[in-house]
Amino acid sequence: MYLSMRGILIRHIAVAFLNGIITLVILLIAPLGLVAVITNTTMVVLATLVTSAFVDGVVHFLSPAEAELLRNAQAQKAASVIPNRNYDELDRRS
C-alpha cells in the first residue's frame, strides 16, 4: 500500500492521539494528581508517535524497493520469453 508522507504523518498522529485518549481514561480512574495525568498522557502520545514512525521506518527498510521488484519482474519476464530469431542470419542449404 502506498501512502504519501502526509498520509503517513496523519496515520502516526491518529495512532498517537488514540493511545493518548486511552491512557487519559485509564489514568483519570486512578487516584493521581491532574499534573501527573496530563504529563503521563503527553509522554504516551509522544512515545507512540516516535515508536510508530520508527517501526514504519524499519518496515520500509526491510521491504524490498519498488524499483528492485520491478527490475526482478522484468528480468523474469525476459528470461521466460523465447528470443526472436533473425531469419537473415540462418544458414540455408541450397
PDB file of N, CA and C in Angstrom:
ATOM      1  N   MET A   1       0.844  -1.170   0.000  1.00  0.00           N
ATOM      2  CA  MET A   1       0.000   0.000   0.000  1.00  0.00           C
ATOM      3  C   MET A   1       0.886   1.229   0.000  1.00  0.00           C
ATOM      4  N   TYR A   2       0.598   2.162  -0.873  1.00  0.00           N
ATOM      5  CA  TYR A   2       1.383   3.375  -0.973  1.00  0.00           C
ATOM      6  C   TYR A   2       0.656   4.510  -0.278  1.00  0.00           C
ATOM      7  N   LEU A   3       1.351   5.188   0.620  1.00  0.00           N
ATOM      8  CA  LEU A   3       0.825   6.386   1.265  1.00  0.00           C
ATOM      9  C   LEU A   3       1.823   7.515   1.057  1.00  0.00           C
ATOM     10  N   SER A   4       1.307   8.707   0.903  1.00  0.00           N
ATOM     11  CA  SER A   4       2.197   9.855   0.803  1.00  0.00           C
ATOM     12  C   SER A   4       2.752  10.167   2.182  1.00  0.00           C
ATOM     13  N   MET A   5       3.740  11.044   2.223  1.00  0.00           N
ATOM     14  CA  MET A   5       4.325  11.432   3.515  1.00  0.00           C
ATOM     15  C   MET A   5       3.268  12.079   4.404  1.00  0.00           C
ATOM     16  N   ARG A   6       2.367  12.830   3.816  1.00  0.00           N
ATOM     17  CA  ARG A   6       1.306  13.470   4.590  1.00  0.00           C
ATOM     18  C   ARG A   6       0.363  12.417   5.168  1.00  0.00           C
ATOM     19  N   GLY A   7       0.029  11.415   4.389  1.00  0.00           N
ATOM     20  CA  GLY A   7      -0.829  10.333   4.869  1.00  0.00           C
ATOM     21  C   GLY A   7      -0.182   9.541   5.989  1.00  0.00           C
ATOM     22  N   ILE A   8       1.125   9.280   5.855  1.00  0.00           N
ATOM     23  CA  ILE A   8       1.850   8.563   6.898  1.00  0.00           C
ATOM     24  C   ILE A   8       1.867   9.372   8.185  1.00  0.00           C
ATOM     25  N   LEU A   9       2.117  10.671   8.076  1.00  0.00           N
ATOM     26  CA  LEU A   9       2.146  11.532   9.255  1.00  0.00           C
ATOM     27  C   LEU A   9       0.775  11.583   9.926  1.00  0.00           C
ATOM     28  N   ILE A  10      -0.282  11.685   9.148  1.00  0.00           N
ATOM     29  CA  ILE A  10      -1.635  11.708   9.709  1.00  0.00           C
ATOM     30  C   ILE A  10      -1.945  10.388  10.411  1.00  0.00           C
ATOM     31  N   ARG A  11      -1.505   9.278   9.826  1.00  0.00           N
ATOM     32  CA  ARG A  11      -1.728   7.974  10.458  1.00  0.00           C
ATOM     33  C   ARG A  11      -1.002   7.888  11.792  1.00  0.00           C
ATOM     34  N   HIS A  12       0.261   8.339  11.834  1.00  0.00           N
ATOM     35  CA  HIS A  12       1.027   8.305  13.085  1.00  0.00           C
ATOM     36  C   HIS A  12       0.382   9.184  14.150  1.00  0.00           C
ATOM     37  N   ILE A  13      -0.053  10.353  13.758  1.00  0.00           N
ATOM     38  CA  ILE A  13      -0.685  11.264  14.722  1.00  0.00           C
ATOM     39  C   ILE A  13      -1.996  10.673  15.233  1.00  0.00           C
ATOM     40  N   ALA A  14      -2.782  10.049  14.361  1.00  0.00           N
ATOM     41  CA  ALA A  14      -4.043   9.442  14.789  1.00  0.00           C
ATOM     42  C   ALA A  14      -3.803   8.316  15.784  1.00  0.00           C
ATOM     43  N   VAL A  15      -2.808   7.478  15.524  1.00  0.00           N
ATOM     44  CA  VAL A  15      -2.490   6.389  16.445  1.00  0.00           C
ATOM     45  C   VAL A  15      -2.016   6.950  17.778  1.00  0.00           C
ATOM     46  N   ALA A  16      -1.179   7.989  17.740  1.00  0.00           N
ATOM     47  CA  ALA A  16      -0.666   8.585  18.974  1.00  0.00           C
ATOM     48  C   ALA A  16      -1.801   9.189  19.802  1.00  0.00           C
ATOM     49  N   PHE A  17      -2.703   9.913  19.171  1.00  0.00           N
ATOM     50  CA  PHE A  17      -3.813  10.506  19.918  1.00  0.00           C
ATOM     51  C   PHE A  17      -4.768   9.449  20.455  1.00  0.00           C
ATOM     52  N   LEU A  18      -4.991   8.385  19.712  1.00  0.00           N
ATOM     53  CA  LEU A  18      -5.845   7.312  20.201  1.00  0.00           C
ATOM     54  C   LEU A  18      -5.235   6.673  21.445  1.00  0.00           C
ATOM     55  N   ASN A  19      -3.937   6.399  21.404  1.00  0.00           N
ATOM     56  CA  ASN A  19      -3.270   5.860  22.590  1.00  0.00           C
ATOM     57  C   ASN A  19      -3.302   6.862  23.737  1.00  0.00           C
ATOM     58  N   GLY A  20      -3.178   8.138  23.433  1.00  0.00           N
ATOM     59  CA  GLY A  20      -3.253   9.162  24.473  1.00  0.00           C
ATOM     60  C   GLY A  20      -4.620   9.214  25.132  1.00  0.00           C
ATOM     61  N   ILE A  21      -5.674   9.089  24.335  1.00  0.00           N
ATOM     62  CA  ILE A  21      -7.035   9.106  24.895  1.00  0.00           C
ATOM     63  C   ILE A  21      -7.266   7.892  25.787  1.00  0.00           C
ATOM     64  N   ILE A  22      -6.811   6.735  25.339  1.00  0.00           N
ATOM     65  CA  ILE A  22      -6.952   5.521  26.150  1.00  0.00           C
ATOM     66  C   ILE A  22      -6.186   5.678  27.465  1.00  0.00           C
ATOM     67  N   THR A  23      -4.968   6.201  27.384  1.00  0.00           N
ATOM     68  CA  THR A  23      -4.169   6.419  28.591  1.00  0.00           C
ATOM     69  C   THR A  23      -4.833   7.429  29.515  1.00  0.00           C
ATOM     70  N   LEU A  24      -5.366   8.486  28.967  1.00  0.00           N
ATOM     71  CA  LEU A  24      -6.025   9.509  29.770  1.00  0.00           C
ATOM     72  C   LEU A  24      -7.214   8.932  30.520  1.00  0.00           C
ATOM     73  N   VAL A  25      -8.015   8.113  29.851  1.00  0.00           N
ATOM     74  CA  VAL A  25      -9.175   7.489  30.505  1.00  0.00           C
ATOM     75  C   VAL A  25      -8.714   6.574  31.645  1.00  0.00           C
ATOM     76  N   ILE A  26      -7.679   5.784  31.394  1.00  0.00           N
ATOM     77  CA  ILE A  26      -7.176   4.868  32.428  1.00  0.00           C
ATOM     78  C   ILE A  26      -6.619   5.649  33.613  1.00  0.00           C
ATOM     79  N   LEU A  27      -5.856   6.709  33.331  1.00  0.00           N
ATOM     80  CA  LEU A  27      -5.229   7.462  34.409  1.00  0.00           C
ATOM     81  C   LEU A  27      -6.219   8.305  35.198  1.00  0.00           C
ATOM     82  N   LEU A  28      -7.292   8.736  34.584  1.00  0.00           N
ATOM     83  CA  LEU A  28      -8.282   9.516  35.322  1.00  0.00           C
ATOM     84  C   LEU A  28      -9.020   8.663  36.345  1.00  0.00           C
ATOM     85  N   ILE A  29      -9.062   7.361  36.110  1.00  0.00           N
ATOM     86  CA  ILE A  29      -9.678   6.453  37.081  1.00  0.00           C
ATOM     87  C   ILE A  29      -8.772   6.301  38.303  1.00  0.00           C
ATOM     88  N   ALA A  30      -7.469   6.297  38.069  1.00  0.00           N
ATOM     89  CA  ALA A  30      -6.503   6.117  39.159  1.00  0.00           C
ATOM     90  C   ALA A  30      -6.440   7.387  40.017  1.00  0.00           C
ATOM     91  N   PRO A  31      -6.147   7.227  41.306  1.00  0.00           N
ATOM     92  CA  PRO A  31      -6.073   8.396  42.197  1.00  0.00           C
ATOM     93  C   PRO A  31      -4.730   9.131  42.066  1.00  0.00           C
ATOM     94  N   LEU A  32      -4.548   9.837  40.964  1.00  0.00           N
ATOM     95  CA  LEU A  32      -3.331  10.614  40.732  1.00  0.00           C
ATOM     96  C   LEU A  32      -3.714  12.083  40.621  1.00  0.00           C
ATOM     97  N   GLY A  33      -2.708  12.930  40.742  1.00  0.00           N
ATOM     98  CA  GLY A  33      -2.941  14.352  40.551  1.00  0.00           C
ATOM     99  C   GLY A  33      -3.137  14.672  39.078  1.00  0.00           C
ATOM    100  N   LEU A  34      -3.765  15.795  38.805  1.00  0.00           N
ATOM    101  CA  LEU A  34      -4.050  16.188  37.427  1.00  0.00           C
ATOM    102  C   LEU A  34      -2.766  16.424  36.637  1.00  0.00           C
ATOM    103  N   VAL A  35      -1.748  17.002  37.260  1.00  0.00           N
ATOM    104  CA  VAL A  35      -0.478  17.248  36.565  1.00  0.00           C
ATOM    105  C   VAL A  35       0.173  15.932  36.167  1.00  0.00           C
ATOM    106  N   ALA A  36       0.119  14.930  37.032  1.00  0.00           N
ATOM    107  CA  ALA A  36       0.694  13.616  36.717  1.00  0.00           C
ATOM    108  C   ALA A  36      -0.052  12.966  35.557  1.00  0.00           C
ATOM    109  N   VAL A  37      -1.370  13.109  35.549  1.00  0.00           N
ATOM    110  CA  VAL A  37      -2.185  12.526  34.478  1.00  0.00           C
ATOM    111  C   VAL A  37      -1.858  13.191  33.140  1.00  0.00           C
ATOM    112  N   ILE A  38      -1.797  14.519  33.126  1.00  0.00           N
ATOM    113  CA  ILE A  38      -1.509  15.241  31.879  1.00  0.00           C
ATOM    114  C   ILE A  38      -0.095  14.941  31.390  1.00  0.00           C
ATOM    115  N   THR A  39       0.873  14.923  32.310  1.00  0.00           N
ATOM    116  CA  THR A  39       2.258  14.635  31.936  1.00  0.00           C
ATOM    117  C   THR A  39       2.393  13.223  31.366  1.00  0.00           C
ATOM    118  N   ASN A  40       1.791  12.262  32.054  1.00  0.00           N
ATOM    119  CA  ASN A  40       1.886  10.878  31.590  1.00  0.00           C
ATOM    120  C   ASN A  40       1.198  10.701  30.242  1.00  0.00           C
ATOM    121  N   THR A  41       0.046  11.319  30.046  1.00  0.00           N
ATOM    122  CA  THR A  41      -0.663  11.227  28.772  1.00  0.00           C
ATOM    123  C   THR A  41       0.154  11.841  27.641  1.00  0.00           C
ATOM    124  N   THR A  42       0.768  12.982  27.900  1.00  0.00           N
ATOM    125  CA  THR A  42       1.610  13.629  26.889  1.00  0.00           C
ATOM    126  C   THR A  42       2.805  12.754  26.533  1.00  0.00           C
ATOM    127  N   MET A  43       3.414  12.136  27.544  1.00  0.00           N
ATOM    128  CA  MET A  43       4.553  11.253  27.273  1.00  0.00           C
ATOM    129  C   MET A  43       4.138  10.032  26.467  1.00  0.00           C
ATOM    130  N   VAL A  44       2.955   9.491  26.732  1.00  0.00           N
ATOM    131  CA  VAL A  44       2.469   8.339  25.960  1.00  0.00           C
ATOM    132  C   VAL A  44       2.215   8.740  24.511  1.00  0.00           C
ATOM    133  N   VAL A  45       1.633   9.914  24.301  1.00  0.00           N
ATOM    134  CA  VAL A  45       1.371  10.384  22.935  1.00  0.00           C
ATOM    135  C   VAL A  45       2.679  10.545  22.172  1.00  0.00           C
ATOM    136  N   LEU A  46       3.667  11.191  22.773  1.00  0.00           N
ATOM    137  CA  LEU A  46       4.954  11.406  22.098  1.00  0.00           C
ATOM    138  C   LEU A  46       5.698  10.090  21.871  1.00  0.00           C
ATOM    139  N   ALA A  47       5.665   9.208  22.866  1.00  0.00           N
ATOM    140  CA  ALA A  47       6.342   7.915  22.710  1.00  0.00           C
ATOM    141  C   ALA A  47       5.685   7.088  21.611  1.00  0.00           C
ATOM    142  N   THR A  48       4.367   7.134  21.529  1.00  0.00           N
ATOM    143  CA  THR A  48       3.663   6.403  20.470  1.00  0.00           C
ATOM    144  C   THR A  48       3.996   6.968  19.100  1.00  0.00           C
ATOM    145  N   LEU A  49       4.067   8.287  18.995  1.00  0.00           N
ATOM    146  CA  LEU A  49       4.399   8.924  17.725  1.00  0.00           C
ATOM    147  C   LEU A  49       5.800   8.526  17.261  1.00  0.00           C
ATOM    148  N   VAL A  50       6.757   8.585  18.171  1.00  0.00           N
ATOM    149  CA  VAL A  50       8.142   8.233  17.821  1.00  0.00           C
ATOM    150  C   VAL A  50       8.249   6.743  17.497  1.00  0.00           C
ATOM    151  N   THR A  51       7.633   5.905  18.321  1.00  0.00           N
ATOM    152  CA  THR A  51       7.703   4.459  18.104  1.00  0.00           C
ATOM    153  C   THR A  51       7.031   4.063  16.792  1.00  0.00           C
ATOM    154  N   SER A  52       5.892   4.655  16.501  1.00  0.00           N
ATOM    155  CA  SER A  52       5.185   4.355  15.262  1.00  0.00           C
ATOM    156  C   SER A  52       6.017   4.744  14.045  1.00  0.00           C
ATOM    157  N   ALA A  53       6.637   5.905  14.090  1.00  0.00           N
ATOM    158  CA  ALA A  53       7.493   6.337  12.988  1.00  0.00           C
ATOM    159  C   ALA A  53       8.715   5.435  12.855  1.00  0.00           C
ATOM    160  N   PHE A  54       9.293   5.029  13.985  1.00  0.00           N
ATOM    161  CA  PHE A  54      10.462   4.155  13.954  1.00  0.00           C
ATOM    162  C   PHE A  54      10.115   2.792  13.350  1.00  0.00           C
ATOM    163  N   VAL A  55       9.001   2.208  13.792  1.00  0.00           N
ATOM    164  CA  VAL A  55       8.592   0.896  13.265  1.00  0.00           C
ATOM    165  C   VAL A  55       8.273   0.993  11.781  1.00  0.00           C
ATOM    166  N   ASP A  56       7.652   2.079  11.358  1.00  0.00           N
ATOM    167  CA  ASP A  56       7.383   2.286   9.941  1.00  0.00           C
ATOM    168  C   ASP A  56       8.689   2.355   9.146  1.00  0.00           C
ATOM    169  N   GLY A  57       9.682   3.009   9.702  1.00  0.00           N
ATOM    170  CA  GLY A  57      10.992   3.073   9.048  1.00  0.00           C
ATOM    171  C   GLY A  57      11.652   1.714   8.948  1.00  0.00           C
ATOM    172  N   VAL A  58      11.530   0.901   9.993  1.00  0.00           N
ATOM    173  CA  VAL A  58      12.107  -0.451   9.968  1.00  0.00           C
ATOM    174  C   VAL A  58      11.412  -1.303   8.911  1.00  0.00           C
ATOM    175  N   VAL A  59      10.091  -1.217   8.845  1.00  0.00           N
ATOM    176  CA  VAL A  59       9.342  -1.978   7.840  1.00  0.00           C
ATOM    177  C   VAL A  59       9.738  -1.523   6.438  1.00  0.00           C
ATOM    178  N   HIS A  60       9.887  -0.215   6.255  1.00  0.00           N
ATOM    179  CA  HIS A  60      10.303   0.302   4.941  1.00  0.00           C
ATOM    180  C   HIS A  60      11.711  -0.179   4.593  1.00  0.00           C
ATOM    181  N   PHE A  61      12.605  -0.225   5.583  1.00  0.00           N
ATOM    182  CA  PHE A  61      13.973  -0.689   5.345  1.00  0.00           C
ATOM    183  C   PHE A  61      14.004  -2.166   4.981  1.00  0.00           C
ATOM    184  N   LEU A  62      13.164  -2.967   5.629  1.00  0.00           N
ATOM    185  CA  LEU A  62      13.170  -4.398   5.384  1.00  0.00           C
ATOM    186  C   LEU A  62      12.405  -4.800   4.127  1.00  0.00           C
ATOM    187  N   SER A  63      11.516  -3.956   3.653  1.00  0.00           N
ATOM    188  CA  SER A  63      10.759  -4.249   2.442  1.00  0.00           C
ATOM    189  C   SER A  63      11.623  -3.958   1.222  1.00  0.00           C
ATOM    190  N   PRO A  64      11.565  -4.825   0.214  1.00  0.00           N
ATOM    191  CA  PRO A  64      12.327  -4.534  -0.995  1.00  0.00           C
ATOM    192  C   PRO A  64      11.758  -3.305  -1.702  1.00  0.00           C
ATOM    193  N   ALA A  65      12.630  -2.571  -2.315  1.00  0.00           N
ATOM    194  CA  ALA A  65      12.215  -1.353  -3.004  1.00  0.00           C
ATOM    195  C   ALA A  65      11.357  -1.697  -4.213  1.00  0.00           C
ATOM    196  N   GLU A  66      10.474  -0.768  -4.575  1.00  0.00           N
ATOM    197  CA  GLU A  66       9.603  -0.994  -5.727  1.00  0.00           C
ATOM    198  C   GLU A  66      10.416  -1.132  -7.008  1.00  0.00           C
ATOM    199  N   ALA A  67      11.459  -0.346  -7.122  1.00  0.00           N
ATOM    200  CA  ALA A  67      12.285  -0.420  -8.324  1.00  0.00           C
ATOM    201  C   ALA A  67      12.948  -1.784  -8.442  1.00  0.00           C
ATOM    202  N   GLU A  68      13.402  -2.327  -7.306  1.00  0.00           N
ATOM    203  CA  GLU A  68      14.021  -3.638  -7.330  1.00  0.00           C
ATOM    204  C   GLU A  68      13.006  -4.718  -7.695  1.00  0.00           C
ATOM    205  N   LEU A  69      11.791  -4.592  -7.179  1.00  0.00           N
ATOM    206  CA  LEU A  69      10.751  -5.549  -7.530  1.00  0.00           C
ATOM    207  C   LEU A  69      10.424  -5.490  -9.015  1.00  0.00           C
ATOM    208  N   LEU A  70      10.331  -4.275  -9.560  1.00  0.00           N
ATOM    209  CA  LEU A  70      10.058  -4.134 -10.989  1.00  0.00           C
ATOM    210  C   LEU A  70      11.202  -4.700 -11.825  1.00  0.00           C
ATOM    211  N   ARG A  71      12.429  -4.451 -11.391  1.00  0.00           N
ATOM    212  CA  ARG A  71      13.590  -4.957 -12.114  1.00  0.00           C
ATOM    213  C   ARG A  71      13.582  -6.480 -12.124  1.00  0.00           C
ATOM    214  N   ASN A  72      13.280  -7.101 -10.976  1.00  0.00           N
ATOM    215  CA  ASN A  72      13.235  -8.558 -10.907  1.00  0.00           C
ATOM    216  C   ASN A  72      12.102  -9.118 -11.765  1.00  0.00           C
ATOM    217  N   ALA A  73      10.963  -8.453 -11.776  1.00  0.00           N
ATOM    218  CA  ALA A  73       9.837  -8.914 -12.586  1.00  0.00           C
ATOM    219  C   ALA A  73      10.171  -8.837 -14.072  1.00  0.00           C
ATOM    220  N   GLN A  74      10.837  -7.763 -14.476  1.00  0.00           N
ATOM    221  CA  GLN A  74      11.210  -7.628 -15.880  1.00  0.00           C
ATOM    222  C   GLN A  74      12.258  -8.662 -16.266  1.00  0.00           C
ATOM    223  N   ALA A  75      13.184  -8.961 -15.359  1.00  0.00           N
ATOM    224  CA  ALA A  75      14.209  -9.963 -15.646  1.00  0.00           C
ATOM    225  C   ALA A  75      13.582 -11.353 -15.788  1.00  0.00           C
ATOM    226  N   GLN A  76      12.620 -11.668 -14.925  1.00  0.00           N
ATOM    227  CA  GLN A  76      11.945 -12.963 -15.021  1.00  0.00           C
ATOM    228  C   GLN A  76      11.132 -13.058 -16.306  1.00  0.00           C
ATOM    229  N   LYS A  77      10.490 -11.961 -16.685  1.00  0.00           N
ATOM    230  CA  LYS A  77       9.699 -11.964 -17.913  1.00  0.00           C
ATOM    231  C   LYS A  77      10.607 -12.134 -19.122  1.00  0.00           C
ATOM    232  N   ALA A  78      11.741 -11.446 -19.112  1.00  0.00           N
ATOM    233  CA  ALA A  78      12.674 -11.549 -20.236  1.00  0.00           C
ATOM    234  C   ALA A  78      13.269 -12.947 -20.331  1.00  0.00           C
ATOM    235  N   ALA A  79      13.493 -13.593 -19.202  1.00  0.00           N
ATOM    236  CA  ALA A  79      14.060 -14.940 -19.219  1.00  0.00           C
ATOM    237  C   ALA A  79      13.052 -15.971 -19.713  1.00  0.00           C
ATOM    238  N   SER A  80      11.775 -15.702 -19.507  1.00  0.00           N
ATOM    239  CA  SER A  80      10.763 -16.668 -19.905  1.00  0.00           C
ATOM    240  C   SER A  80      10.339 -16.524 -21.362  1.00  0.00           C
ATOM    241  N   VAL A  81      10.703 -15.441 -22.006  1.00  0.00           N
ATOM    242  CA  VAL A  81      10.323 -15.207 -23.394  1.00  0.00           C
ATOM    243  C   VAL A  81      11.371 -15.830 -24.308  1.00  0.00           C
ATOM    244  N   ILE A  82      10.911 -16.542 -25.324  1.00  0.00           N
ATOM    245  CA  ILE A  82      11.830 -17.131 -26.296  1.00  0.00           C
ATOM    246  C   ILE A  82      12.371 -16.011 -27.177  1.00  0.00           C
ATOM    247  N   PRO A  83      13.689 -15.968 -27.343  1.00  0.00           N
ATOM    248  CA  PRO A  83      14.257 -14.878 -28.150  1.00  0.00           C
ATOM    249  C   PRO A  83      13.813 -14.987 -29.612  1.00  0.00           C
ATOM    250  N   ASN A  84      13.647 -13.846 -30.228  1.00  0.00           N
ATOM    251  CA  ASN A  84      13.260 -13.805 -31.645  1.00  0.00           C
ATOM    252  C   ASN A  84      14.440 -14.212 -32.508  1.00  0.00           C
ATOM    253  N   ARG A  85      14.126 -14.932 -33.563  1.00  0.00           N
ATOM    254  CA  ARG A  85      15.188 -15.355 -34.480  1.00  0.00           C
ATOM    255  C   ARG A  85      15.352 -14.323 -35.579  1.00  0.00           C
ATOM    256  N   ASN A  86      16.556 -14.148 -35.957  1.00  0.00           N
ATOM    257  CA  ASN A  86      16.854 -13.292 -37.091  1.00  0.00           C
ATOM    258  C   ASN A  86      16.993 -14.200 -38.305  1.00  0.00           C
ATOM    259  N   TYR A  87      16.011 -14.184 -39.187  1.00  0.00           N
ATOM    260  CA  TYR A  87      15.977 -15.117 -40.320  1.00  0.00           C
ATOM    261  C   TYR A  87      16.987 -14.758 -41.398  1.00  0.00           C
ATOM    262  N   ASP A  88      17.566 -13.572 -41.342  1.00  0.00           N
ATOM    263  CA  ASP A  88      18.588 -13.218 -42.324  1.00  0.00           C
ATOM    264  C   ASP A  88      19.896 -13.941 -42.066  1.00  0.00           C
ATOM    265  N   GLU A  89      20.124 -14.363 -40.832  1.00  0.00           N
ATOM    266  CA  GLU A  89      21.382 -14.996 -40.477  1.00  0.00           C
ATOM    267  C   GLU A  89      21.294 -16.517 -40.489  1.00  0.00           C
ATOM    268  N   LEU A  90      20.210 -17.093 -40.965  1.00  0.00           N
ATOM    269  CA  LEU A  90      20.081 -18.552 -41.000  1.00  0.00           C
ATOM    270  C   LEU A  90      20.952 -19.144 -42.112  1.00  0.00           C
ATOM    271  N   ASP A  91      21.514 -20.270 -41.820  1.00  0.00           N
ATOM    272  CA  ASP A  91      22.340 -20.962 -42.814  1.00  0.00           C
ATOM    273  C   ASP A  91      21.415 -21.819 -43.664  1.00  0.00           C
ATOM    274  N   ARG A  92      21.152 -21.359 -44.878  1.00  0.00           N
ATOM    275  CA  ARG A  92      20.229 -22.074 -45.760  1.00  0.00           C
ATOM    276  C   ARG A  92      21.040 -22.912 -46.744  1.00  0.00           C
ATOM    277  N   ARG A  93      20.656 -24.146 -46.863  1.00  0.00           N
ATOM    278  CA  ARG A  93      21.362 -25.047 -47.782  1.00  0.00           C
ATOM    279  C   ARG A  93      20.601 -25.128 -49.094  1.00  0.00           C
ATOM    280  N   SER A  94      21.302 -24.953 -50.152  1.00  0.00           N
ATOM    281  CA  SER A  94      20.647 -24.957 -51.470  1.00  0.00           C
ATOM    282  C   SER A  94      20.779 -26.294 -52.138  1.00  0.00           C
TER     283      SER A  94
END
